[in-house]
């Protein structure tokens, strides 16, 4: 999953929910359900997510939305599988390579010779 987030120290919940294409309420819910997500909060209570939080949200999104895990199953997978982060990043890289290869294939098909 490729997120369209600029390189920053903190991201608002609006930016995060837009990047994941989910409601902000889902991000807040996941925050309650998964202890690895700990956004900073200012005096007003606004959440600011760090790049580490984004990485963890990406893993949770992969497990729940793409793999179809239940929240309990995702929680168990996060605690028992120490290499889940590496697996998700590998899947992202493979999807990128696949997309690039498909673009290359389409460009070869379109060229009349």
N, C-alpha and C. Protein backbone atom coordinates (compact mmCIF):
# COMPACT_ATOMS: atom_id res chain seq x y z
N UNK A 1 0.84 -1.17 0.00
CA UNK A 1 0.00 0.00 0.00
C UNK A 1 0.88 1.23 0.00
N UNK A 2 0.70 2.06 -0.97
CA UNK A 2 1.46 3.29 -1.09
C UNK A 2 0.65 4.43 -0.49
N UNK A 3 1.22 5.08 0.52
CA UNK A 3 0.55 6.20 1.17
C UNK A 3 1.08 7.50 0.62
N UNK A 4 0.18 8.43 0.39
CA UNK A 4 0.58 9.74 -0.09
C UNK A 4 0.71 10.70 1.08
N UNK A 5 1.75 10.51 1.86
CA UNK A 5 2.02 11.36 3.00
C UNK A 5 3.39 12.01 2.82
N UNK A 6 3.48 13.32 3.06
CA UNK A 6 4.79 13.97 2.99
C UNK A 6 5.65 13.55 4.18
N UNK A 7 6.95 13.75 4.06
CA UNK A 7 7.84 13.43 5.17
C UNK A 7 7.71 14.51 6.23
N UNK A 8 7.13 14.13 7.36
CA UNK A 8 6.94 15.05 8.47
C UNK A 8 7.17 14.31 9.77
N UNK A 9 7.30 15.07 10.86
CA UNK A 9 7.44 14.45 12.17
C UNK A 9 6.10 13.98 12.72
N UNK A 10 5.04 14.75 12.42
CA UNK A 10 3.72 14.43 12.94
C UNK A 10 2.67 14.61 11.86
N UNK A 11 1.65 13.75 11.90
CA UNK A 11 0.53 13.81 10.96
C UNK A 11 -0.76 13.93 11.74
N UNK A 12 -1.67 14.76 11.26
CA UNK A 12 -2.98 14.88 11.91
C UNK A 12 -3.82 13.66 11.57
N UNK A 13 -4.88 13.47 12.33
CA UNK A 13 -5.74 12.31 12.08
C UNK A 13 -6.43 12.45 10.73
N UNK A 14 -6.69 13.67 10.30
CA UNK A 14 -7.29 13.88 8.99
C UNK A 14 -6.38 13.43 7.86
N UNK A 15 -5.10 13.78 7.98
CA UNK A 15 -4.13 13.35 6.97
C UNK A 15 -4.01 11.83 6.93
N UNK A 16 -3.99 11.22 8.11
CA UNK A 16 -3.83 9.77 8.20
C UNK A 16 -5.06 9.06 7.62
N UNK A 17 -6.24 9.52 8.00
CA UNK A 17 -7.45 8.86 7.50
C UNK A 17 -7.59 9.03 6.00
N UNK A 18 -7.19 10.19 5.47
CA UNK A 18 -7.24 10.40 4.03
C UNK A 18 -6.23 9.49 3.31
N UNK A 19 -5.04 9.34 3.88
CA UNK A 19 -4.01 8.49 3.27
C UNK A 19 -4.45 7.03 3.22
N UNK A 20 -5.12 6.57 4.26
CA UNK A 20 -5.59 5.18 4.31
C UNK A 20 -6.96 5.01 3.68
N UNK A 21 -7.60 6.11 3.32
CA UNK A 21 -8.94 6.11 2.72
C UNK A 21 -9.95 5.42 3.64
N UNK A 22 -9.91 5.81 4.92
CA UNK A 22 -10.86 5.32 5.91
C UNK A 22 -11.36 6.52 6.72
N UNK A 23 -12.41 6.32 7.50
CA UNK A 23 -12.91 7.38 8.37
C UNK A 23 -11.97 7.60 9.55
N UNK A 24 -11.94 8.83 10.05
CA UNK A 24 -11.12 9.14 11.22
C UNK A 24 -11.58 8.33 12.43
N UNK A 25 -12.87 8.01 12.48
CA UNK A 25 -13.38 7.23 13.60
C UNK A 25 -12.76 5.83 13.63
N UNK A 26 -12.46 5.27 12.46
CA UNK A 26 -11.82 3.95 12.42
C UNK A 26 -10.40 4.04 12.98
N UNK A 27 -9.69 5.11 12.65
CA UNK A 27 -8.33 5.30 13.18
C UNK A 27 -8.40 5.43 14.70
N UNK A 28 -9.35 6.20 15.21
CA UNK A 28 -9.50 6.35 16.66
C UNK A 28 -9.85 5.00 17.31
N UNK A 29 -10.70 4.23 16.64
CA UNK A 29 -11.07 2.90 17.16
C UNK A 29 -9.86 1.98 17.21
N UNK A 30 -9.08 1.96 16.15
CA UNK A 30 -7.88 1.12 16.14
C UNK A 30 -6.91 1.56 17.23
N UNK A 31 -6.87 2.86 17.49
CA UNK A 31 -6.00 3.37 18.54
C UNK A 31 -6.38 2.75 19.89
N UNK A 32 -7.69 2.61 20.14
CA UNK A 32 -8.16 2.00 21.40
C UNK A 32 -7.87 0.50 21.42
N UNK A 33 -8.01 -0.15 20.28
CA UNK A 33 -7.90 -1.61 20.22
C UNK A 33 -6.47 -2.13 20.17
N UNK A 34 -5.56 -1.35 19.64
CA UNK A 34 -4.17 -1.80 19.47
C UNK A 34 -3.24 -0.91 20.29
N UNK A 35 -2.61 -1.46 21.30
CA UNK A 35 -1.74 -0.64 22.17
C UNK A 35 -0.47 -0.14 21.48
N UNK A 36 -0.13 -0.65 20.31
CA UNK A 36 1.09 -0.17 19.64
C UNK A 36 0.89 1.19 18.99
N UNK A 37 -0.35 1.63 18.87
CA UNK A 37 -0.63 2.95 18.29
C UNK A 37 -0.80 3.94 19.44
N UNK A 38 0.14 4.86 19.54
CA UNK A 38 0.11 5.83 20.62
C UNK A 38 0.40 7.23 20.06
N UNK A 39 -0.61 7.87 19.47
CA UNK A 39 -0.37 9.21 18.94
C UNK A 39 -0.18 10.21 20.07
N UNK A 40 0.57 11.26 19.79
CA UNK A 40 0.73 12.35 20.74
C UNK A 40 -0.55 13.17 20.71
N UNK A 41 -0.90 13.74 21.85
CA UNK A 41 -2.09 14.59 21.92
C UNK A 41 -1.69 15.94 22.49
N UNK A 42 -2.25 17.00 21.89
CA UNK A 42 -1.99 18.33 22.43
C UNK A 42 -3.00 18.65 23.52
N UNK A 43 -2.98 19.87 24.03
CA UNK A 43 -3.87 20.25 25.12
C UNK A 43 -5.34 20.16 24.73
N UNK A 44 -5.63 20.39 23.46
CA UNK A 44 -7.01 20.31 22.99
C UNK A 44 -7.46 18.87 22.76
N UNK A 45 -6.52 17.93 22.76
CA UNK A 45 -6.86 16.53 22.54
C UNK A 45 -6.70 16.08 21.10
N UNK A 46 -6.16 16.94 20.25
CA UNK A 46 -5.92 16.57 18.85
C UNK A 46 -4.79 15.54 18.78
N UNK A 47 -5.00 14.54 17.96
CA UNK A 47 -4.02 13.47 17.83
C UNK A 47 -3.00 13.82 16.75
N UNK A 48 -1.75 13.51 17.02
CA UNK A 48 -0.68 13.69 16.04
C UNK A 48 0.12 12.39 15.99
N UNK A 49 0.10 11.78 14.81
CA UNK A 49 0.71 10.47 14.62
C UNK A 49 2.14 10.62 14.12
N UNK A 50 3.03 9.80 14.67
CA UNK A 50 4.43 9.79 14.26
C UNK A 50 4.60 8.82 13.09
N UNK A 51 5.71 8.89 12.37
CA UNK A 51 5.96 7.89 11.32
C UNK A 51 5.91 6.45 11.83
N UNK A 52 6.30 6.22 13.08
CA UNK A 52 6.22 4.88 13.67
C UNK A 52 4.76 4.45 13.81
N UNK A 53 3.90 5.39 14.21
CA UNK A 53 2.47 5.09 14.29
C UNK A 53 1.91 4.75 12.91
N UNK A 54 2.37 5.49 11.89
CA UNK A 54 1.91 5.25 10.52
C UNK A 54 2.32 3.86 10.08
N UNK A 55 3.54 3.46 10.41
CA UNK A 55 4.02 2.13 10.05
C UNK A 55 3.16 1.06 10.72
N UNK A 56 2.82 1.26 11.99
CA UNK A 56 1.98 0.30 12.71
C UNK A 56 0.56 0.28 12.15
N UNK A 57 0.03 1.44 11.79
CA UNK A 57 -1.29 1.50 11.18
C UNK A 57 -1.30 0.77 9.84
N UNK A 58 -0.22 0.89 9.12
CA UNK A 58 -0.10 0.21 7.83
C UNK A 58 -0.17 -1.31 8.01
N UNK A 59 0.49 -1.80 9.05
CA UNK A 59 0.47 -3.24 9.34
C UNK A 59 -0.95 -3.67 9.73
N UNK A 60 -1.59 -2.89 10.59
CA UNK A 60 -2.95 -3.21 11.02
C UNK A 60 -3.90 -3.17 9.82
N UNK A 61 -3.75 -2.15 8.98
CA UNK A 61 -4.60 -2.04 7.79
C UNK A 61 -4.43 -3.27 6.90
N UNK A 62 -3.19 -3.68 6.72
CA UNK A 62 -2.90 -4.86 5.89
C UNK A 62 -3.59 -6.10 6.46
N UNK A 63 -3.44 -6.30 7.75
CA UNK A 63 -4.01 -7.49 8.37
C UNK A 63 -5.54 -7.48 8.34
N UNK A 64 -6.13 -6.35 8.69
CA UNK A 64 -7.59 -6.28 8.84
C UNK A 64 -8.30 -6.10 7.50
N UNK A 65 -7.84 -5.14 6.71
CA UNK A 65 -8.56 -4.80 5.48
C UNK A 65 -8.15 -5.67 4.28
N UNK A 66 -6.88 -5.97 4.16
CA UNK A 66 -6.42 -6.71 3.00
C UNK A 66 -6.44 -8.23 3.22
N UNK A 67 -6.06 -8.67 4.40
CA UNK A 67 -6.01 -10.11 4.69
C UNK A 67 -7.30 -10.63 5.31
N UNK A 68 -8.16 -9.74 5.82
CA UNK A 68 -9.43 -10.15 6.37
C UNK A 68 -9.37 -10.68 7.80
N UNK A 69 -8.34 -10.33 8.54
CA UNK A 69 -8.23 -10.76 9.93
C UNK A 69 -9.30 -10.06 10.77
N UNK A 70 -9.74 -10.73 11.82
CA UNK A 70 -10.55 -10.04 12.82
C UNK A 70 -9.62 -9.18 13.66
N UNK A 71 -10.18 -8.30 14.48
CA UNK A 71 -9.32 -7.46 15.32
C UNK A 71 -8.55 -8.32 16.32
N UNK A 72 -9.20 -9.34 16.87
CA UNK A 72 -8.49 -10.24 17.79
C UNK A 72 -7.39 -10.99 17.06
N UNK A 73 -7.68 -11.45 15.86
CA UNK A 73 -6.67 -12.16 15.07
C UNK A 73 -5.49 -11.27 14.72
N UNK A 74 -5.77 -10.02 14.38
CA UNK A 74 -4.70 -9.07 14.07
C UNK A 74 -3.87 -8.77 15.31
N UNK A 75 -4.52 -8.63 16.44
CA UNK A 75 -3.82 -8.36 17.70
C UNK A 75 -2.89 -9.53 18.03
N UNK A 76 -3.38 -10.75 17.85
CA UNK A 76 -2.58 -11.94 18.13
C UNK A 76 -1.41 -12.03 17.14
N UNK A 77 -1.67 -11.74 15.87
CA UNK A 77 -0.61 -11.79 14.85
C UNK A 77 0.48 -10.78 15.17
N UNK A 78 0.10 -9.61 15.65
CA UNK A 78 1.09 -8.58 15.99
C UNK A 78 1.96 -8.99 17.17
N UNK A 79 1.37 -9.70 18.12
CA UNK A 79 2.15 -10.09 19.30
C UNK A 79 2.98 -11.35 19.08
N UNK A 80 2.49 -12.25 18.23
CA UNK A 80 3.21 -13.52 18.06
C UNK A 80 4.18 -13.52 16.89
N UNK A 81 3.90 -12.76 15.85
CA UNK A 81 4.75 -12.77 14.66
C UNK A 81 5.65 -11.53 14.67
N UNK A 82 6.90 -11.73 15.02
CA UNK A 82 7.83 -10.60 15.12
C UNK A 82 8.25 -10.07 13.75
N UNK A 83 8.05 -10.83 12.69
CA UNK A 83 8.49 -10.42 11.36
C UNK A 83 7.34 -9.87 10.51
N UNK A 84 6.21 -9.54 11.12
CA UNK A 84 5.05 -9.07 10.36
C UNK A 84 5.37 -7.75 9.66
N UNK A 85 6.15 -6.90 10.29
CA UNK A 85 6.52 -5.62 9.69
C UNK A 85 7.34 -5.83 8.43
N UNK A 86 8.29 -6.75 8.48
CA UNK A 86 9.11 -7.05 7.31
C UNK A 86 8.26 -7.64 6.19
N UNK A 87 7.31 -8.48 6.56
CA UNK A 87 6.43 -9.10 5.58
C UNK A 87 5.60 -8.05 4.85
N UNK A 88 5.04 -7.11 5.59
CA UNK A 88 4.22 -6.06 4.98
C UNK A 88 5.06 -5.17 4.07
N UNK A 89 6.27 -4.83 4.49
CA UNK A 89 7.12 -3.99 3.63
C UNK A 89 7.54 -4.75 2.37
N UNK A 90 7.76 -6.06 2.49
CA UNK A 90 8.10 -6.87 1.32
C UNK A 90 6.93 -6.92 0.34
N UNK A 91 5.72 -7.06 0.85
CA UNK A 91 4.53 -7.09 0.01
C UNK A 91 4.39 -5.76 -0.73
N UNK A 92 4.63 -4.65 -0.03
CA UNK A 92 4.56 -3.33 -0.67
C UNK A 92 5.57 -3.21 -1.81
N UNK A 93 6.79 -3.67 -1.57
CA UNK A 93 7.81 -3.60 -2.62
C UNK A 93 7.45 -4.48 -3.81
N UNK A 94 6.92 -5.67 -3.54
CA UNK A 94 6.53 -6.56 -4.64
C UNK A 94 5.37 -5.98 -5.45
N UNK A 95 4.42 -5.32 -4.78
CA UNK A 95 3.32 -4.67 -5.49
C UNK A 95 3.85 -3.54 -6.38
N UNK A 96 4.83 -2.80 -5.89
CA UNK A 96 5.43 -1.73 -6.67
C UNK A 96 6.12 -2.30 -7.91
N UNK A 97 6.89 -3.36 -7.73
CA UNK A 97 7.59 -3.98 -8.86
C UNK A 97 6.58 -4.51 -9.87
N UNK A 98 5.51 -5.13 -9.40
CA UNK A 98 4.48 -5.65 -10.29
C UNK A 98 3.85 -4.52 -11.11
N UNK A 99 3.56 -3.41 -10.46
CA UNK A 99 2.96 -2.27 -11.16
C UNK A 99 3.92 -1.73 -12.22
N UNK A 100 5.19 -1.65 -11.89
CA UNK A 100 6.18 -1.16 -12.86
C UNK A 100 6.31 -2.12 -14.04
N UNK A 101 6.29 -3.41 -13.77
CA UNK A 101 6.37 -4.40 -14.86
C UNK A 101 5.13 -4.34 -15.75
N UNK A 102 3.97 -4.12 -15.16
CA UNK A 102 2.75 -3.99 -15.96
C UNK A 102 2.79 -2.75 -16.84
N UNK A 103 3.34 -1.65 -16.31
CA UNK A 103 3.50 -0.44 -17.12
C UNK A 103 4.43 -0.71 -18.30
N UNK A 104 5.51 -1.40 -18.02
CA UNK A 104 6.47 -1.73 -19.07
C UNK A 104 5.83 -2.62 -20.13
N UNK A 105 5.07 -3.60 -19.71
CA UNK A 105 4.38 -4.49 -20.64
C UNK A 105 3.41 -3.72 -21.52
N UNK A 106 2.65 -2.82 -20.92
CA UNK A 106 1.68 -2.01 -21.67
C UNK A 106 2.39 -1.11 -22.67
N UNK A 107 3.52 -0.56 -22.28
CA UNK A 107 4.24 0.31 -23.22
C UNK A 107 4.82 -0.48 -24.38
N UNK A 108 5.18 -1.73 -24.18
CA UNK A 108 5.69 -2.57 -25.24
C UNK A 108 4.57 -2.99 -26.20
N UNK A 109 3.40 -3.23 -25.67
CA UNK A 109 2.27 -3.64 -26.48
C UNK A 109 1.79 -2.49 -27.36
N UNK A 110 1.84 -1.26 -26.84
CA UNK A 110 1.35 -0.10 -27.56
C UNK A 110 2.26 0.34 -28.71
N UNK A 111 3.51 -0.04 -28.68
CA UNK A 111 4.48 0.42 -29.70
C UNK A 111 4.34 -0.40 -30.97
N UNK A 112 3.88 0.22 -32.04
CA UNK A 112 3.87 -0.50 -33.32
C UNK A 112 5.27 -0.52 -33.91
N UNK A 113 5.63 -1.65 -34.44
CA UNK A 113 6.99 -1.75 -35.01
C UNK A 113 6.94 -2.18 -36.45
